[in-house]
Amino acid sequence: MGKQPQTLAQALASLPEEERIILTMHYLKSMSATEIAAILGVPERSVDAIIRQGRSRLSAILGI
């Protein structure tokens, strides 16, 4: 029997905390990587990398 499909909220909840926070800010609050980096005090390139990594992980979790 296959895995039950997850909701976006369940998929986000399963991510590591840093990814979950950044992806929530980016996708649900429509913030840019520049805005997120300024708020969190981290380099913008780090935020960009986490968004890319998180997007791939969410796609795999959700099967899309």
C-alpha atoms as a PDB file:
ATOM      1  CA  MET A   1       0.000   0.000   0.000  1.00  0.00           C
ATOM      2  CA  GLY A   2       1.374   3.481  -0.936  1.00  0.00           C
ATOM      3  CA  LYS A   3       1.929   6.431   1.289  1.00  0.00           C
ATOM      4  CA  GLN A   4      -1.003   8.766   1.838  1.00  0.00           C
ATOM      5  CA  PRO A   5      -0.593  12.088   0.041  1.00  0.00           C
ATOM      6  CA  GLN A   6       0.455  14.889   2.343  1.00  0.00           C
ATOM      7  CA  THR A   7      -0.896  18.396   2.502  1.00  0.00           C
ATOM      8  CA  LEU A   8       1.435  21.321   1.979  1.00  0.00           C
ATOM      9  CA  ALA A   9       1.185  22.112   5.700  1.00  0.00           C
ATOM     10  CA  GLN A  10       2.226  18.543   6.604  1.00  0.00           C
ATOM     11  CA  ALA A  11       5.069  18.652   4.094  1.00  0.00           C
ATOM     12  CA  LEU A  12       6.312  21.987   5.467  1.00  0.00           C
ATOM     13  CA  ALA A  13       6.084  20.675   9.025  1.00  0.00           C
ATOM     14  CA  SER A  14       8.335  17.749   8.098  1.00  0.00           C
ATOM     15  CA  LEU A  15      11.179  20.007   6.921  1.00  0.00           C
ATOM     16  CA  PRO A  16      14.131  21.041   9.072  1.00  0.00           C
ATOM     17  CA  GLU A  17      13.328  24.204  11.057  1.00  0.00           C
ATOM     18  CA  GLU A  18      15.549  26.545   9.023  1.00  0.00           C
ATOM     19  CA  GLU A  19      14.034  25.406   5.723  1.00  0.00           C
ATOM     20  CA  ARG A  20      10.512  25.546   7.129  1.00  0.00           C
ATOM     21  CA  ILE A  21      10.949  29.126   8.354  1.00  0.00           C
ATOM     22  CA  ILE A  22      12.509  30.390   5.117  1.00  0.00           C
ATOM     23  CA  LEU A  23      10.039  28.611   2.823  1.00  0.00           C
ATOM     24  CA  THR A  24       7.110  29.862   4.898  1.00  0.00           C
ATOM     25  CA  MET A  25       8.404  33.419   4.634  1.00  0.00           C
ATOM     26  CA  HIS A  26       9.040  33.031   0.906  1.00  0.00           C
ATOM     27  CA  TYR A  27       5.910  31.217  -0.249  1.00  0.00           C
ATOM     28  CA  LEU A  28       3.233  32.026   2.319  1.00  0.00           C
ATOM     29  CA  LYS A  29       4.266  35.590   3.116  1.00  0.00           C
ATOM     30  CA  SER A  30       5.515  36.368  -0.431  1.00  0.00           C
ATOM     31  CA  MET A  31       8.846  37.684   0.793  1.00  0.00           C
ATOM     32  CA  SER A  32      11.918  37.898  -1.425  1.00  0.00           C
ATOM     33  CA  ALA A  33      15.216  36.245  -0.588  1.00  0.00           C
ATOM     34  CA  THR A  34      16.635  39.739   0.006  1.00  0.00           C
ATOM     35  CA  GLU A  35      13.912  40.555   2.557  1.00  0.00           C
ATOM     36  CA  ILE A  36      14.303  37.194   4.313  1.00  0.00           C
ATOM     37  CA  ALA A  37      18.090  37.568   4.486  1.00  0.00           C
ATOM     38  CA  ALA A  38      17.776  41.053   6.004  1.00  0.00           C
ATOM     39  CA  ILE A  39      15.280  39.901   8.641  1.00  0.00           C
ATOM     40  CA  LEU A  40      17.244  36.782   9.600  1.00  0.00           C
ATOM     41  CA  GLY A  41      20.666  38.430   9.326  1.00  0.00           C
ATOM     42  CA  VAL A  42      22.064  35.816   6.944  1.00  0.00           C
ATOM     43  CA  PRO A  43      23.586  36.102   3.450  1.00  0.00           C
ATOM     44  CA  GLU A  44      21.077  36.308   0.602  1.00  0.00           C
ATOM     45  CA  ARG A  45      22.870  33.524  -1.287  1.00  0.00           C
ATOM     46  CA  SER A  46      22.274  31.228   1.697  1.00  0.00           C
ATOM     47  CA  VAL A  47      18.558  32.021   1.613  1.00  0.00           C
ATOM     48  CA  ASP A  48      18.477  31.370  -2.151  1.00  0.00           C
ATOM     49  CA  ALA A  49      20.189  27.995  -1.662  1.00  0.00           C
ATOM     50  CA  ILE A  50      17.771  26.987   1.093  1.00  0.00           C
ATOM     51  CA  ILE A  51      14.770  27.998  -1.049  1.00  0.00           C
ATOM     52  CA  ARG A  52      16.076  25.840  -3.934  1.00  0.00           C
ATOM     53  CA  GLN A  53      16.841  22.903  -1.631  1.00  0.00           C
ATOM     54  CA  GLY A  54      13.513  23.210   0.157  1.00  0.00           C
ATOM     55  CA  ARG A  55      11.575  23.427  -3.105  1.00  0.00           C
ATOM     56  CA  SER A  56      13.190  20.172  -4.265  1.00  0.00           C
ATOM     57  CA  ARG A  57      12.482  18.482  -0.943  1.00  0.00           C
ATOM     58  CA  LEU A  58       8.822  19.652  -0.948  1.00  0.00           C
ATOM     59  CA  SER A  59       8.388  18.398  -4.511  1.00  0.00           C
ATOM     60  CA  ALA A  60       9.700  14.996  -3.502  1.00  0.00           C
ATOM     61  CA  ILE A  61       7.528  14.840  -0.384  1.00  0.00           C
ATOM     62  CA  LEU A  62       4.391  15.909  -2.252  1.00  0.00           C
ATOM     63  CA  GLY A  63       5.162  13.781  -5.315  1.00  0.00           C
ATOM     64  CA  ILE A  64       4.991  16.682  -7.757  1.00  0.00           C
END
